[in-house]
Amino acid sequence: MVLRLTSLSLSSLLWVSMTWAGNTVFVNQSGNNVVINIEQIGDGNSVTGQNGTPVQLHGDNNTALVKQGAGNQHSGDSTLMLNVLDDDNYMDANQENGHWLDVLVLGVDNN
């Protein structure tokens, strides 16, 4: 019984949709202590929420790492839109070539 309650308290909702040809990833995440690591090399690239809205990262102590393009690889349009909501979250983005970064951070102790 204790294990089941612990599992429920640490659970999160993660919705991800991927398109391989154009490097598109949709993310809406809700919960605590989640690590999202996305690396896109080459082609069009995009990390957004559903229907082109910003990615929603709700919860505490979450980490989002996004790398678009590497070295001599072209990253195309390099879109990333992210809303970080709640506390003690960490986001790191590395974009090469195309670039577009739109980040909204609400909460305390976010990096």
C-alpha atoms as a PDB file:
ATOM      1  CA  MET A   1       0.000   0.000   0.000  1.00  0.00           C
ATOM      2  CA  VAL A   2       2.814   2.439   0.804  1.00  0.00           C
ATOM      3  CA  LEU A   3       4.441   1.773  -2.566  1.00  0.00           C
ATOM      4  CA  ARG A   4       1.203   2.546  -4.393  1.00  0.00           C
ATOM      5  CA  LEU A   5       0.747   5.850  -2.524  1.00  0.00           C
ATOM      6  CA  THR A   6       4.349   6.827  -3.223  1.00  0.00           C
ATOM      7  CA  SER A   7       3.893   6.069  -6.911  1.00  0.00           C
ATOM      8  CA  LEU A   8       0.808   8.260  -7.058  1.00  0.00           C
ATOM      9  CA  SER A   9       2.490  11.172  -5.297  1.00  0.00           C
ATOM     10  CA  LEU A  10       5.423  11.126  -7.744  1.00  0.00           C
ATOM     11  CA  SER A  11       3.358  10.542 -10.875  1.00  0.00           C
ATOM     12  CA  SER A  12       3.192  13.069 -13.683  1.00  0.00           C
ATOM     13  CA  LEU A  13       1.268  13.630 -16.866  1.00  0.00           C
ATOM     14  CA  LEU A  14       3.484  13.820 -19.934  1.00  0.00           C
ATOM     15  CA  TRP A  15       1.997  14.282 -23.386  1.00  0.00           C
ATOM     16  CA  VAL A  16       4.421  14.014 -26.267  1.00  0.00           C
ATOM     17  CA  SER A  17       3.844  13.859 -30.004  1.00  0.00           C
ATOM     18  CA  MET A  18       6.714  13.496 -32.474  1.00  0.00           C
ATOM     19  CA  THR A  19       7.015  14.026 -36.215  1.00  0.00           C
ATOM     20  CA  TRP A  20      10.226  12.458 -37.525  1.00  0.00           C
ATOM     21  CA  ALA A  21      10.531  14.047 -40.989  1.00  0.00           C
ATOM     22  CA  GLY A  22      10.406  17.703 -39.913  1.00  0.00           C
ATOM     23  CA  ASN A  23      11.831  17.385 -36.374  1.00  0.00           C
ATOM     24  CA  THR A  24       8.690  18.511 -34.547  1.00  0.00           C
ATOM     25  CA  VAL A  25       8.079  17.640 -30.886  1.00  0.00           C
ATOM     26  CA  PHE A  26       4.970  18.711 -28.941  1.00  0.00           C
ATOM     27  CA  VAL A  27       5.192  18.617 -25.134  1.00  0.00           C
ATOM     28  CA  ASN A  28       2.715  19.406 -22.358  1.00  0.00           C
ATOM     29  CA  GLN A  29       3.989  18.191 -18.984  1.00  0.00           C
ATOM     30  CA  SER A  30       2.384  18.367 -15.570  1.00  0.00           C
ATOM     31  CA  GLY A  31       3.957  16.973 -12.399  1.00  0.00           C
ATOM     32  CA  ASN A  32       7.124  17.124 -10.346  1.00  0.00           C
ATOM     33  CA  ASN A  33      10.702  15.827 -10.735  1.00  0.00           C
ATOM     34  CA  VAL A  34      10.537  15.201 -14.494  1.00  0.00           C
ATOM     35  CA  VAL A  35      13.506  15.425 -16.896  1.00  0.00           C
ATOM     36  CA  ILE A  36      12.813  16.219 -20.566  1.00  0.00           C
ATOM     37  CA  ASN A  37      15.847  15.903 -22.843  1.00  0.00           C
ATOM     38  CA  ILE A  38      15.329  16.695 -26.545  1.00  0.00           C
ATOM     39  CA  GLU A  39      18.092  16.765 -29.146  1.00  0.00           C
ATOM     40  CA  GLN A  40      17.278  17.702 -32.749  1.00  0.00           C
ATOM     41  CA  ILE A  41      20.055  17.751 -35.335  1.00  0.00           C
ATOM     42  CA  GLY A  42      19.406  18.890 -38.902  1.00  0.00           C
ATOM     43  CA  ASP A  43      16.185  19.682 -40.828  1.00  0.00           C
ATOM     44  CA  GLY A  44      13.394  22.046 -39.703  1.00  0.00           C
ATOM     45  CA  ASN A  45      13.269  21.520 -35.902  1.00  0.00           C
ATOM     46  CA  SER A  46      10.545  22.808 -33.616  1.00  0.00           C
ATOM     47  CA  VAL A  47       9.610  22.236 -29.979  1.00  0.00           C
ATOM     48  CA  THR A  48       6.180  23.674 -29.181  1.00  0.00           C
ATOM     49  CA  GLY A  49       3.008  22.778 -27.378  1.00  0.00           C
ATOM     50  CA  GLN A  50      -0.024  21.402 -29.155  1.00  0.00           C
ATOM     51  CA  ASN A  51      -1.257  23.505 -32.115  1.00  0.00           C
ATOM     52  CA  GLY A  52       1.796  25.789 -32.051  1.00  0.00           C
ATOM     53  CA  THR A  53       1.242  27.061 -28.518  1.00  0.00           C
ATOM     54  CA  PRO A  54       4.185  27.187 -26.081  1.00  0.00           C
ATOM     55  CA  VAL A  55       5.258  24.008 -24.269  1.00  0.00           C
ATOM     56  CA  GLN A  56       3.631  23.971 -20.838  1.00  0.00           C
ATOM     57  CA  LEU A  57       5.964  22.801 -18.053  1.00  0.00           C
ATOM     58  CA  HIS A  58       3.843  22.728 -14.862  1.00  0.00           C
ATOM     59  CA  GLY A  59       5.237  21.499 -11.566  1.00  0.00           C
ATOM     60  CA  ASP A  60       8.231  21.772  -9.285  1.00  0.00           C
ATOM     61  CA  ASN A  61      11.821  20.502  -9.685  1.00  0.00           C
ATOM     62  CA  ASN A  62      11.480  19.782 -13.420  1.00  0.00           C
ATOM     63  CA  THR A  63      14.311  19.921 -15.971  1.00  0.00           C
ATOM     64  CA  ALA A  64      13.992  20.680 -19.681  1.00  0.00           C
ATOM     65  CA  LEU A  65      17.098  20.350 -21.883  1.00  0.00           C
ATOM     66  CA  VAL A  66      16.739  21.199 -25.580  1.00  0.00           C
ATOM     67  CA  LYS A  67      19.534  21.105 -28.170  1.00  0.00           C
ATOM     68  CA  GLN A  68      18.793  22.057 -31.763  1.00  0.00           C
ATOM     69  CA  GLY A  69      21.588  21.631 -34.293  1.00  0.00           C
ATOM     70  CA  ALA A  70      25.184  20.685 -33.553  1.00  0.00           C
ATOM     71  CA  GLY A  71      28.538  21.665 -35.034  1.00  0.00           C
ATOM     72  CA  ASN A  72      28.268  22.012 -38.806  1.00  0.00           C
ATOM     73  CA  GLN A  73      24.752  20.549 -38.895  1.00  0.00           C
ATOM     74  CA  HIS A  74      22.116  23.110 -39.839  1.00  0.00           C
ATOM     75  CA  SER A  75      19.179  23.254 -37.478  1.00  0.00           C
ATOM     76  CA  GLY A  76      16.782  24.933 -39.912  1.00  0.00           C
ATOM     77  CA  ASP A  77      14.149  27.081 -38.282  1.00  0.00           C
ATOM     78  CA  SER A  78      15.067  26.119 -34.657  1.00  0.00           C
ATOM     79  CA  THR A  79      11.777  27.097 -32.983  1.00  0.00           C
ATOM     80  CA  LEU A  80      11.343  26.634 -29.216  1.00  0.00           C
ATOM     81  CA  MET A  81       8.451  28.103 -27.226  1.00  0.00           C
ATOM     82  CA  LEU A  82       8.280  27.264 -23.512  1.00  0.00           C
ATOM     83  CA  ASN A  83       6.216  28.340 -20.495  1.00  0.00           C
ATOM     84  CA  VAL A  84       7.792  27.309 -17.179  1.00  0.00           C
ATOM     85  CA  LEU A  85       5.227  27.546 -14.387  1.00  0.00           C
ATOM     86  CA  ASP A  86       5.790  26.799 -10.693  1.00  0.00           C
ATOM     87  CA  ASP A  87       9.011  26.576  -8.660  1.00  0.00           C
ATOM     88  CA  ASP A  88      12.576  25.196  -8.686  1.00  0.00           C
ATOM     89  CA  ASN A  89      12.646  24.318 -12.405  1.00  0.00           C
ATOM     90  CA  TYR A  90      15.669  24.314 -14.729  1.00  0.00           C
ATOM     91  CA  MET A  91      15.651  24.954 -18.486  1.00  0.00           C
ATOM     92  CA  ASP A  92      18.649  24.947 -20.822  1.00  0.00           C
ATOM     93  CA  ALA A  93      18.389  25.529 -24.570  1.00  0.00           C
ATOM     94  CA  ASN A  94      21.140  25.462 -27.194  1.00  0.00           C
ATOM     95  CA  GLN A  95      20.209  26.561 -30.708  1.00  0.00           C
ATOM     96  CA  GLU A  96      22.422  26.882 -33.766  1.00  0.00           C
ATOM     97  CA  ASN A  97      21.600  28.629 -37.050  1.00  0.00           C
ATOM     98  CA  GLY A  98      17.829  29.362 -37.502  1.00  0.00           C
ATOM     99  CA  HIS A  99      16.902  30.291 -33.872  1.00  0.00           C
ATOM    100  CA  TRP A 100      13.707  31.475 -32.280  1.00  0.00           C
ATOM    101  CA  LEU A 101      13.307  31.202 -28.526  1.00  0.00           C
ATOM    102  CA  ASP A 102      10.205  32.377 -26.645  1.00  0.00           C
ATOM    103  CA  VAL A 103      10.298  31.579 -22.897  1.00  0.00           C
ATOM    104  CA  LEU A 104       7.949  32.690 -20.121  1.00  0.00           C
ATOM    105  CA  VAL A 105       8.979  31.830 -16.541  1.00  0.00           C
ATOM    106  CA  LEU A 106       6.566  32.245 -13.611  1.00  0.00           C
ATOM    107  CA  GLY A 107       7.513  31.048 -10.138  1.00  0.00           C
ATOM    108  CA  VAL A 108      10.444  31.208  -7.744  1.00  0.00           C
ATOM    109  CA  ASP A 109      13.944  29.712  -7.875  1.00  0.00           C
ATOM    110  CA  ASN A 110      13.731  28.832 -11.585  1.00  0.00           C
ATOM    111  CA  ASN A 111      16.882  28.795 -13.740  1.00  0.00           C
END
